[in-house]
Amino acid sequence: MTVNTHAHITSWAVAIILFVIAATFLNKAGKEKSQKIVKMILRLFYLFILATGLLLLFGGVEINGEYIGKAILGVLTIGFMEMILVRSSKQKPTGLFWGLFIVVLILTIALGMKLPLGIWRF
């Protein structure tokens, strides 16, 4: 079970790093080709996140509302990441989506750490 947890955490940590690189540094530098490559790699990591998350969800734990809420928040986090990338590439405002992304990301991580496989287990 811990291997799946480590794979999940590693996947979303790498995804957040790639997202920040694509959304801020490469976007401001105007490097479209590099940004496109990083976006495609990031989308692959979205699949890793979803796959490892599903393995954790259906890997022998009793599914309750917290797990379902965490899954929904995780999908929303990925959705806001993608919305920011798409809107920034079209030169549209992204301020609202950045705010929503940060709030949902914090909630997702906090809930994940509170669940039985997390480090806060109360």
N, C-alpha and C. Protein backbone atom coordinates (compact mmCIF):
# COMPACT_ATOMS: atom_id res chain seq x y z
N MET A 1 0.82 -1.20 0.00
CA MET A 1 0.00 0.00 0.00
C MET A 1 0.86 1.26 0.00
N THR A 2 2.00 1.24 0.67
CA THR A 2 2.83 2.45 0.72
C THR A 2 3.48 2.74 -0.63
N VAL A 3 3.73 1.70 -1.44
CA VAL A 3 4.30 1.93 -2.77
C VAL A 3 3.32 2.75 -3.61
N ASN A 4 2.04 2.41 -3.55
CA ASN A 4 1.03 3.17 -4.28
C ASN A 4 0.95 4.60 -3.77
N THR A 5 1.04 4.76 -2.46
CA THR A 5 0.99 6.10 -1.88
C THR A 5 2.17 6.93 -2.34
N HIS A 6 3.36 6.35 -2.32
CA HIS A 6 4.55 7.08 -2.76
C HIS A 6 4.47 7.41 -4.25
N ALA A 7 3.96 6.49 -5.05
CA ALA A 7 3.81 6.74 -6.48
C ALA A 7 2.81 7.87 -6.73
N HIS A 8 1.74 7.90 -5.95
CA HIS A 8 0.73 8.94 -6.09
C HIS A 8 1.31 10.31 -5.71
N ILE A 9 1.98 10.36 -4.58
CA ILE A 9 2.57 11.62 -4.13
C ILE A 9 3.63 12.11 -5.10
N THR A 10 4.46 11.21 -5.57
CA THR A 10 5.49 11.58 -6.55
C THR A 10 4.86 12.10 -7.83
N SER A 11 3.79 11.46 -8.28
CA SER A 11 3.12 11.88 -9.51
C SER A 11 2.57 13.29 -9.39
N TRP A 12 1.87 13.58 -8.28
CA TRP A 12 1.31 14.92 -8.20
C TRP A 12 2.36 15.97 -7.88
N ALA A 13 3.44 15.59 -7.19
CA ALA A 13 4.51 16.56 -6.93
C ALA A 13 5.20 16.95 -8.24
N VAL A 14 5.50 15.97 -9.07
CA VAL A 14 6.12 16.26 -10.37
C VAL A 14 5.15 17.06 -11.24
N ALA A 15 3.88 16.71 -11.20
CA ALA A 15 2.88 17.43 -12.00
C ALA A 15 2.80 18.90 -11.59
N ILE A 16 2.85 19.18 -10.31
CA ILE A 16 2.78 20.57 -9.85
C ILE A 16 4.01 21.33 -10.32
N ILE A 17 5.17 20.70 -10.25
CA ILE A 17 6.40 21.35 -10.72
C ILE A 17 6.31 21.64 -12.22
N LEU A 18 5.88 20.65 -13.00
CA LEU A 18 5.73 20.85 -14.44
C LEU A 18 4.69 21.93 -14.75
N PHE A 19 3.62 21.94 -13.97
CA PHE A 19 2.58 22.94 -14.17
C PHE A 19 3.13 24.35 -13.94
N VAL A 20 3.86 24.54 -12.86
CA VAL A 20 4.41 25.86 -12.55
C VAL A 20 5.39 26.28 -13.65
N ILE A 21 6.21 25.34 -14.12
CA ILE A 21 7.15 25.66 -15.19
C ILE A 21 6.40 26.08 -16.45
N ALA A 22 5.37 25.32 -16.83
CA ALA A 22 4.62 25.62 -18.06
C ALA A 22 3.80 26.89 -17.93
N ALA A 23 3.16 27.08 -16.78
CA ALA A 23 2.23 28.19 -16.62
C ALA A 23 2.92 29.52 -16.36
N THR A 24 4.09 29.48 -15.77
CA THR A 24 4.74 30.76 -15.43
C THR A 24 5.99 31.01 -16.27
N PHE A 25 7.01 30.21 -16.07
CA PHE A 25 8.30 30.49 -16.70
C PHE A 25 8.25 30.41 -18.22
N LEU A 26 7.74 29.34 -18.76
CA LEU A 26 7.73 29.18 -20.22
C LEU A 26 6.71 30.09 -20.87
N ASN A 27 5.59 30.33 -20.20
CA ASN A 27 4.57 31.21 -20.75
C ASN A 27 5.09 32.65 -20.83
N LYS A 28 5.73 33.12 -19.78
CA LYS A 28 6.26 34.50 -19.77
C LYS A 28 7.43 34.66 -20.72
N ALA A 29 8.21 33.59 -20.91
CA ALA A 29 9.35 33.66 -21.81
C ALA A 29 8.92 33.55 -23.27
N GLY A 30 7.67 33.16 -23.51
CA GLY A 30 7.18 33.05 -24.88
C GLY A 30 7.71 31.85 -25.63
N LYS A 31 8.13 30.84 -24.92
CA LYS A 31 8.68 29.63 -25.54
C LYS A 31 7.54 28.64 -25.78
N GLU A 32 6.87 28.81 -26.91
CA GLU A 32 5.68 28.01 -27.20
C GLU A 32 5.99 26.54 -27.40
N LYS A 33 7.05 26.23 -28.13
CA LYS A 33 7.38 24.83 -28.40
C LYS A 33 7.76 24.10 -27.10
N SER A 34 8.57 24.73 -26.27
CA SER A 34 8.96 24.13 -25.00
C SER A 34 7.74 23.97 -24.09
N GLN A 35 6.88 24.98 -24.10
CA GLN A 35 5.68 24.91 -23.28
C GLN A 35 4.77 23.77 -23.75
N LYS A 36 4.67 23.57 -25.05
CA LYS A 36 3.83 22.49 -25.57
C LYS A 36 4.36 21.13 -25.14
N ILE A 37 5.68 20.96 -25.16
CA ILE A 37 6.29 19.70 -24.73
C ILE A 37 6.02 19.45 -23.25
N VAL A 38 6.21 20.48 -22.44
CA VAL A 38 5.97 20.33 -21.00
C VAL A 38 4.50 20.05 -20.72
N LYS A 39 3.60 20.68 -21.48
CA LYS A 39 2.17 20.41 -21.30
C LYS A 39 1.84 18.95 -21.61
N MET A 40 2.43 18.41 -22.66
CA MET A 40 2.15 17.02 -23.01
C MET A 40 2.68 16.06 -21.94
N ILE A 41 3.86 16.34 -21.41
CA ILE A 41 4.40 15.53 -20.33
C ILE A 41 3.51 15.67 -19.09
N LEU A 42 3.05 16.88 -18.83
CA LEU A 42 2.15 17.13 -17.70
C LEU A 42 0.86 16.34 -17.85
N ARG A 43 0.34 16.27 -19.05
CA ARG A 43 -0.90 15.50 -19.27
C ARG A 43 -0.67 14.01 -19.04
N LEU A 44 0.51 13.53 -19.34
CA LEU A 44 0.85 12.15 -19.01
C LEU A 44 0.85 11.95 -17.50
N PHE A 45 1.37 12.93 -16.77
CA PHE A 45 1.36 12.84 -15.32
C PHE A 45 -0.05 12.94 -14.75
N TYR A 46 -0.97 13.64 -15.43
CA TYR A 46 -2.37 13.61 -15.01
C TYR A 46 -2.87 12.17 -15.00
N LEU A 47 -2.52 11.42 -16.04
CA LEU A 47 -2.93 10.02 -16.11
C LEU A 47 -2.31 9.20 -14.98
N PHE A 48 -1.02 9.46 -14.68
CA PHE A 48 -0.37 8.76 -13.56
C PHE A 48 -1.09 9.08 -12.25
N ILE A 49 -1.43 10.35 -12.05
CA ILE A 49 -2.13 10.76 -10.83
C ILE A 49 -3.46 10.03 -10.72
N LEU A 50 -4.22 10.03 -11.80
CA LEU A 50 -5.53 9.37 -11.78
C LEU A 50 -5.38 7.86 -11.56
N ALA A 51 -4.42 7.24 -12.23
CA ALA A 51 -4.24 5.79 -12.08
C ALA A 51 -3.82 5.42 -10.66
N THR A 52 -2.84 6.12 -10.11
CA THR A 52 -2.39 5.79 -8.76
C THR A 52 -3.46 6.14 -7.73
N GLY A 53 -4.21 7.22 -7.99
CA GLY A 53 -5.32 7.57 -7.09
C GLY A 53 -6.39 6.50 -7.08
N LEU A 54 -6.73 5.98 -8.26
CA LEU A 54 -7.72 4.91 -8.32
C LEU A 54 -7.21 3.64 -7.66
N LEU A 55 -5.91 3.34 -7.83
CA LEU A 55 -5.34 2.18 -7.14
C LEU A 55 -5.43 2.32 -5.63
N LEU A 56 -5.19 3.53 -5.14
CA LEU A 56 -5.32 3.76 -3.70
C LEU A 56 -6.77 3.66 -3.26
N LEU A 57 -7.66 4.24 -4.07
CA LEU A 57 -9.08 4.27 -3.71
C LEU A 57 -9.67 2.87 -3.65
N PHE A 58 -9.32 2.04 -4.61
CA PHE A 58 -9.90 0.70 -4.66
C PHE A 58 -8.93 -0.37 -4.19
N GLY A 59 -7.91 0.03 -3.44
CA GLY A 59 -6.88 -0.91 -3.00
C GLY A 59 -7.11 -1.48 -1.61
N GLY A 60 -8.32 -1.68 -1.22
CA GLY A 60 -8.57 -2.35 0.05
C GLY A 60 -9.03 -1.45 1.18
N VAL A 61 -9.30 -0.18 0.90
CA VAL A 61 -9.80 0.70 1.95
C VAL A 61 -11.32 0.77 1.84
N GLU A 62 -11.95 1.07 2.96
CA GLU A 62 -13.40 1.24 2.96
C GLU A 62 -13.70 2.63 2.43
N ILE A 63 -14.36 2.68 1.29
CA ILE A 63 -14.64 3.96 0.64
C ILE A 63 -15.77 4.66 1.37
N ASN A 64 -15.49 5.89 1.81
CA ASN A 64 -16.52 6.70 2.46
C ASN A 64 -16.55 8.08 1.79
N GLY A 65 -17.28 8.99 2.37
CA GLY A 65 -17.44 10.32 1.79
C GLY A 65 -16.14 11.09 1.66
N GLU A 66 -15.23 10.90 2.62
CA GLU A 66 -13.96 11.61 2.54
C GLU A 66 -13.16 11.19 1.32
N TYR A 67 -13.16 9.89 1.03
CA TYR A 67 -12.43 9.41 -0.15
C TYR A 67 -13.06 9.93 -1.43
N ILE A 68 -14.38 9.93 -1.48
CA ILE A 68 -15.06 10.44 -2.67
C ILE A 68 -14.80 11.94 -2.81
N GLY A 69 -14.86 12.67 -1.70
CA GLY A 69 -14.56 14.10 -1.72
C GLY A 69 -13.14 14.37 -2.18
N LYS A 70 -12.19 13.57 -1.72
CA LYS A 70 -10.80 13.72 -2.13
C LYS A 70 -10.65 13.47 -3.62
N ALA A 71 -11.33 12.46 -4.13
CA ALA A 71 -11.27 12.17 -5.56
C ALA A 71 -11.84 13.32 -6.39
N ILE A 72 -12.96 13.87 -5.93
CA ILE A 72 -13.57 15.00 -6.64
C ILE A 72 -12.65 16.22 -6.61
N LEU A 73 -12.09 16.51 -5.44
CA LEU A 73 -11.16 17.64 -5.33
C LEU A 73 -9.93 17.43 -6.22
N GLY A 74 -9.45 16.20 -6.29
CA GLY A 74 -8.29 15.91 -7.13
C GLY A 74 -8.58 16.15 -8.60
N VAL A 75 -9.75 15.73 -9.05
CA VAL A 75 -10.13 15.96 -10.45
C VAL A 75 -10.32 17.45 -10.70
N LEU A 76 -10.90 18.17 -9.74
CA LEU A 76 -11.04 19.63 -9.88
C LEU A 76 -9.68 20.31 -9.95
N THR A 77 -8.73 19.84 -9.16
CA THR A 77 -7.38 20.42 -9.19
C THR A 77 -6.77 20.26 -10.58
N ILE A 78 -6.87 19.07 -11.13
CA ILE A 78 -6.35 18.83 -12.48
C ILE A 78 -7.10 19.71 -13.49
N GLY A 79 -8.40 19.83 -13.33
CA GLY A 79 -9.19 20.67 -14.22
C GLY A 79 -8.76 22.13 -14.19
N PHE A 80 -8.52 22.66 -12.99
CA PHE A 80 -8.08 24.05 -12.89
C PHE A 80 -6.67 24.24 -13.46
N MET A 81 -5.82 23.24 -13.28
CA MET A 81 -4.48 23.32 -13.88
C MET A 81 -4.60 23.43 -15.40
N GLU A 82 -5.43 22.60 -15.96
CA GLU A 82 -5.60 22.60 -17.42
C GLU A 82 -6.25 23.89 -17.89
N MET A 83 -7.23 24.40 -17.15
CA MET A 83 -7.88 25.67 -17.53
C MET A 83 -6.88 26.82 -17.53
N ILE A 84 -6.01 26.85 -16.54
CA ILE A 84 -5.00 27.91 -16.49
C ILE A 84 -4.08 27.82 -17.70
N LEU A 85 -3.63 26.63 -18.03
CA LEU A 85 -2.73 26.46 -19.17
C LEU A 85 -3.39 26.85 -20.48
N VAL A 86 -4.63 26.41 -20.68
CA VAL A 86 -5.32 26.71 -21.93
C VAL A 86 -5.61 28.20 -22.05
N ARG A 87 -6.12 28.79 -20.98
CA ARG A 87 -6.45 30.22 -21.03
C ARG A 87 -5.21 31.08 -21.17
N SER A 88 -4.11 30.70 -20.54
CA SER A 88 -2.90 31.50 -20.66
C SER A 88 -2.31 31.40 -22.06
N SER A 89 -2.44 30.26 -22.71
CA SER A 89 -1.94 30.13 -24.08
C SER A 89 -2.78 30.94 -25.06
N LYS A 90 -4.05 31.20 -24.70
CA LYS A 90 -4.93 32.03 -25.54
C LYS A 90 -4.90 33.49 -25.10
N GLN A 91 -3.99 33.83 -24.19
CA GLN A 91 -3.84 35.20 -23.69
C GLN A 91 -5.12 35.72 -23.03
N LYS A 92 -5.85 34.85 -22.35
CA LYS A 92 -7.05 35.25 -21.61
C LYS A 92 -6.70 35.34 -20.13
N PRO A 93 -7.45 36.12 -19.35
CA PRO A 93 -7.16 36.27 -17.92
C PRO A 93 -7.31 34.95 -17.16
N THR A 94 -6.41 34.72 -16.21
CA THR A 94 -6.41 33.47 -15.46
C THR A 94 -6.46 33.69 -13.95
N GLY A 95 -6.62 34.91 -13.50
CA GLY A 95 -6.56 35.22 -12.07
C GLY A 95 -7.55 34.42 -11.23
N LEU A 96 -8.80 34.35 -11.67
CA LEU A 96 -9.81 33.60 -10.94
C LEU A 96 -9.44 32.13 -10.84
N PHE A 97 -8.95 31.56 -11.94
CA PHE A 97 -8.59 30.15 -11.95
C PHE A 97 -7.37 29.86 -11.07
N TRP A 98 -6.43 30.81 -10.99
CA TRP A 98 -5.30 30.64 -10.08
C TRP A 98 -5.79 30.59 -8.64
N GLY A 99 -6.70 31.48 -8.29
CA GLY A 99 -7.24 31.47 -6.93
C GLY A 99 -7.97 30.18 -6.61
N LEU A 100 -8.82 29.74 -7.53
CA LEU A 100 -9.55 28.48 -7.32
C LEU A 100 -8.58 27.31 -7.26
N PHE A 101 -7.57 27.31 -8.12
CA PHE A 101 -6.58 26.23 -8.12
C PHE A 101 -5.88 26.13 -6.78
N ILE A 102 -5.43 27.25 -6.24
CA ILE A 102 -4.69 27.23 -4.98
C ILE A 102 -5.58 26.74 -3.84
N VAL A 103 -6.83 27.22 -3.78
CA VAL A 103 -7.74 26.79 -2.72
C VAL A 103 -8.03 25.29 -2.82
N VAL A 104 -8.35 24.82 -4.02
CA VAL A 104 -8.68 23.41 -4.21
C VAL A 104 -7.45 22.53 -3.98
N LEU A 105 -6.28 22.98 -4.40
CA LEU A 105 -5.04 22.21 -4.17
C LEU A 105 -4.77 22.05 -2.67
N ILE A 106 -4.91 23.12 -1.92
CA ILE A 106 -4.69 23.05 -0.46
C ILE A 106 -5.70 22.10 0.19
N LEU A 107 -6.97 22.22 -0.21
CA LEU A 107 -7.99 21.32 0.34
C LEU A 107 -7.71 19.86 -0.02
N THR A 108 -7.29 19.62 -1.26
CA THR A 108 -7.00 18.25 -1.70
C THR A 108 -5.85 17.65 -0.91
N ILE A 109 -4.77 18.40 -0.76
CA ILE A 109 -3.61 17.90 -0.03
C ILE A 109 -3.96 17.69 1.45
N ALA A 110 -4.67 18.65 2.04
CA ALA A 110 -5.03 18.52 3.46
C ALA A 110 -5.92 17.30 3.68
N LEU A 111 -6.91 17.11 2.83
CA LEU A 111 -7.79 15.95 2.99
C LEU A 111 -7.03 14.65 2.75
N GLY A 112 -6.13 14.65 1.78
CA GLY A 112 -5.32 13.46 1.53
C GLY A 112 -4.44 13.09 2.71
N MET A 113 -3.91 14.09 3.38
CA MET A 113 -3.06 13.81 4.54
C MET A 113 -3.88 13.37 5.75
N LYS A 114 -5.14 13.75 5.80
CA LYS A 114 -6.00 13.38 6.92
C LYS A 114 -6.53 11.95 6.78
N LEU A 115 -6.64 11.46 5.55
CA LEU A 115 -7.16 10.10 5.33
C LEU A 115 -6.23 9.06 5.94
N PRO A 116 -6.69 7.84 6.13
CA PRO A 116 -5.88 6.81 6.80
C PRO A 116 -4.51 6.55 6.18
N LEU A 117 -4.34 6.75 4.90
CA LEU A 117 -3.02 6.55 4.30
C LEU A 117 -2.16 7.80 4.37
N GLY A 118 -2.71 8.91 4.87
CA GLY A 118 -1.98 10.16 4.99
C GLY A 118 -1.14 10.21 6.25
N ILE A 119 -0.42 11.34 6.41
CA ILE A 119 0.49 11.44 7.56
C ILE A 119 -0.17 12.07 8.78
N TRP A 120 -1.38 12.65 8.63
CA TRP A 120 -2.02 13.30 9.76
C TRP A 120 -2.98 12.38 10.49
N ARG A 121 -3.38 11.30 9.97
CA ARG A 121 -4.30 10.29 10.54
C ARG A 121 -4.82 10.59 11.95
N PHE A 122 -5.85 11.43 12.09
CA PHE A 122 -6.40 11.63 13.42
C PHE A 122 -7.56 10.77 13.65
